[in-house]
Amino acid sequence: MVKVSRKFIQEVKMADRPAYKLAQEAGLRDPGIVSRLIHGMGKVWPNDRRVLAIGEVLGLAPGECFEKVSGSKNKTLLGGE
């Protein structure tokens, strides 16, 4: 499982234009997708083209856009490690 990286989130927040403009520049149809992705409300796939397109607008390499998620949130809730 993957998520957008901290660097990706930081670059979006520090950009000189709003997130919806980044989405438009990346050629995405949904201008709200950037906000949903950085707030964990959208599912992210390995090599997700939406994330890669936004990363390209921000000047990030593909490897800088993603982080692996280790384990599951449910493990903590079920008493696992």
Protein backbone atom coordinates (compact mmCIF):
# COMPACT_ATOMS: atom_id res chain seq x y z
CA MET A 1 0.00 0.00 0.00
CA VAL A 2 1.26 3.50 -0.79
CA LYS A 3 0.42 7.08 0.07
CA VAL A 4 1.63 10.45 -1.13
CA SER A 5 4.98 11.38 0.41
CA ARG A 6 5.58 14.07 3.00
CA LYS A 7 7.72 15.87 0.45
CA PHE A 8 4.81 15.84 -2.04
CA ILE A 9 2.47 17.27 0.61
CA GLN A 10 5.01 19.91 1.62
CA GLU A 11 5.57 20.98 -1.99
CA VAL A 12 1.81 21.29 -2.59
CA LYS A 13 1.37 23.40 0.54
CA MET A 14 4.37 25.61 -0.27
CA ALA A 15 3.46 26.09 -3.94
CA ASP A 16 2.94 29.63 -5.17
CA ARG A 17 -0.54 28.75 -6.44
CA PRO A 18 -3.57 26.98 -4.98
CA ALA A 19 -3.98 23.20 -5.17
CA TYR A 20 -6.83 23.44 -7.69
CA LYS A 21 -4.53 25.35 -10.07
CA LEU A 22 -1.92 22.60 -9.74
CA ALA A 23 -4.59 20.07 -10.71
CA GLN A 24 -5.54 22.14 -13.76
CA GLU A 25 -1.91 22.49 -14.83
CA ALA A 26 -1.48 18.72 -14.44
CA GLY A 27 -4.42 18.16 -16.79
CA LEU A 28 -6.68 16.60 -14.16
CA ARG A 29 -10.45 16.94 -14.59
CA ASP A 30 -11.21 17.18 -10.87
CA PRO A 31 -9.70 20.32 -9.34
CA GLY A 32 -10.36 19.07 -5.80
CA ILE A 33 -8.31 15.90 -6.17
CA VAL A 34 -5.06 17.45 -4.94
CA SER A 35 -6.65 18.43 -1.64
CA ARG A 36 -8.21 14.98 -1.20
CA LEU A 37 -4.93 13.22 -1.95
CA ILE A 38 -2.84 15.23 0.51
CA HIS A 39 -5.45 14.83 3.25
CA GLY A 40 -5.68 11.07 2.80
CA MET A 41 -9.24 11.13 1.50
CA GLY A 42 -8.43 9.66 -1.91
CA LYS A 43 -7.05 6.21 -2.63
CA VAL A 44 -3.52 6.28 -4.03
CA TRP A 45 -2.16 3.47 -6.19
CA PRO A 46 1.50 2.69 -6.90
CA ASN A 47 2.57 4.93 -9.79
CA ASP A 48 -0.79 6.75 -9.66
CA ARG A 49 -0.89 8.94 -12.78
CA ARG A 50 -2.67 11.76 -10.92
CA VAL A 51 0.08 11.99 -8.32
CA LEU A 52 2.79 11.71 -10.96
CA ALA A 53 1.20 14.49 -13.05
CA ILE A 54 0.99 16.83 -10.05
CA GLY A 55 4.53 15.88 -9.05
CA GLU A 56 5.74 16.79 -12.53
CA VAL A 57 4.11 20.23 -12.23
CA LEU A 58 5.89 20.65 -8.88
CA GLY A 59 9.23 19.47 -10.28
CA LEU A 60 9.35 16.26 -8.25
CA ALA A 61 10.82 12.99 -9.47
CA PRO A 62 8.39 10.04 -9.46
CA GLY A 63 10.20 8.43 -6.51
CA GLU A 64 9.70 11.56 -4.43
CA CYS A 65 5.91 11.43 -4.77
CA PHE A 66 5.14 8.21 -2.90
CA GLU A 67 5.81 6.52 0.44
CA LYS A 68 5.08 2.94 1.38
CA VAL A 69 2.63 2.35 4.20
CA SER A 70 3.82 -0.44 6.46
CA GLY A 71 1.20 -2.58 8.10
CA SER A 72 -2.42 -1.75 8.61
CA LYS A 73 -4.19 0.68 10.90
CA ASN A 74 -6.37 -2.23 12.03
CA LYS A 75 -3.38 -4.01 13.59
CA THR A 76 -3.21 -1.40 16.35
CA LEU A 77 -6.94 -1.62 16.91
CA LEU A 78 -6.76 -5.41 17.13
CA GLY A 79 -3.80 -5.46 19.51
CA GLY A 80 -1.12 -6.29 16.93
CA GLU A 81 2.13 -4.45 16.36
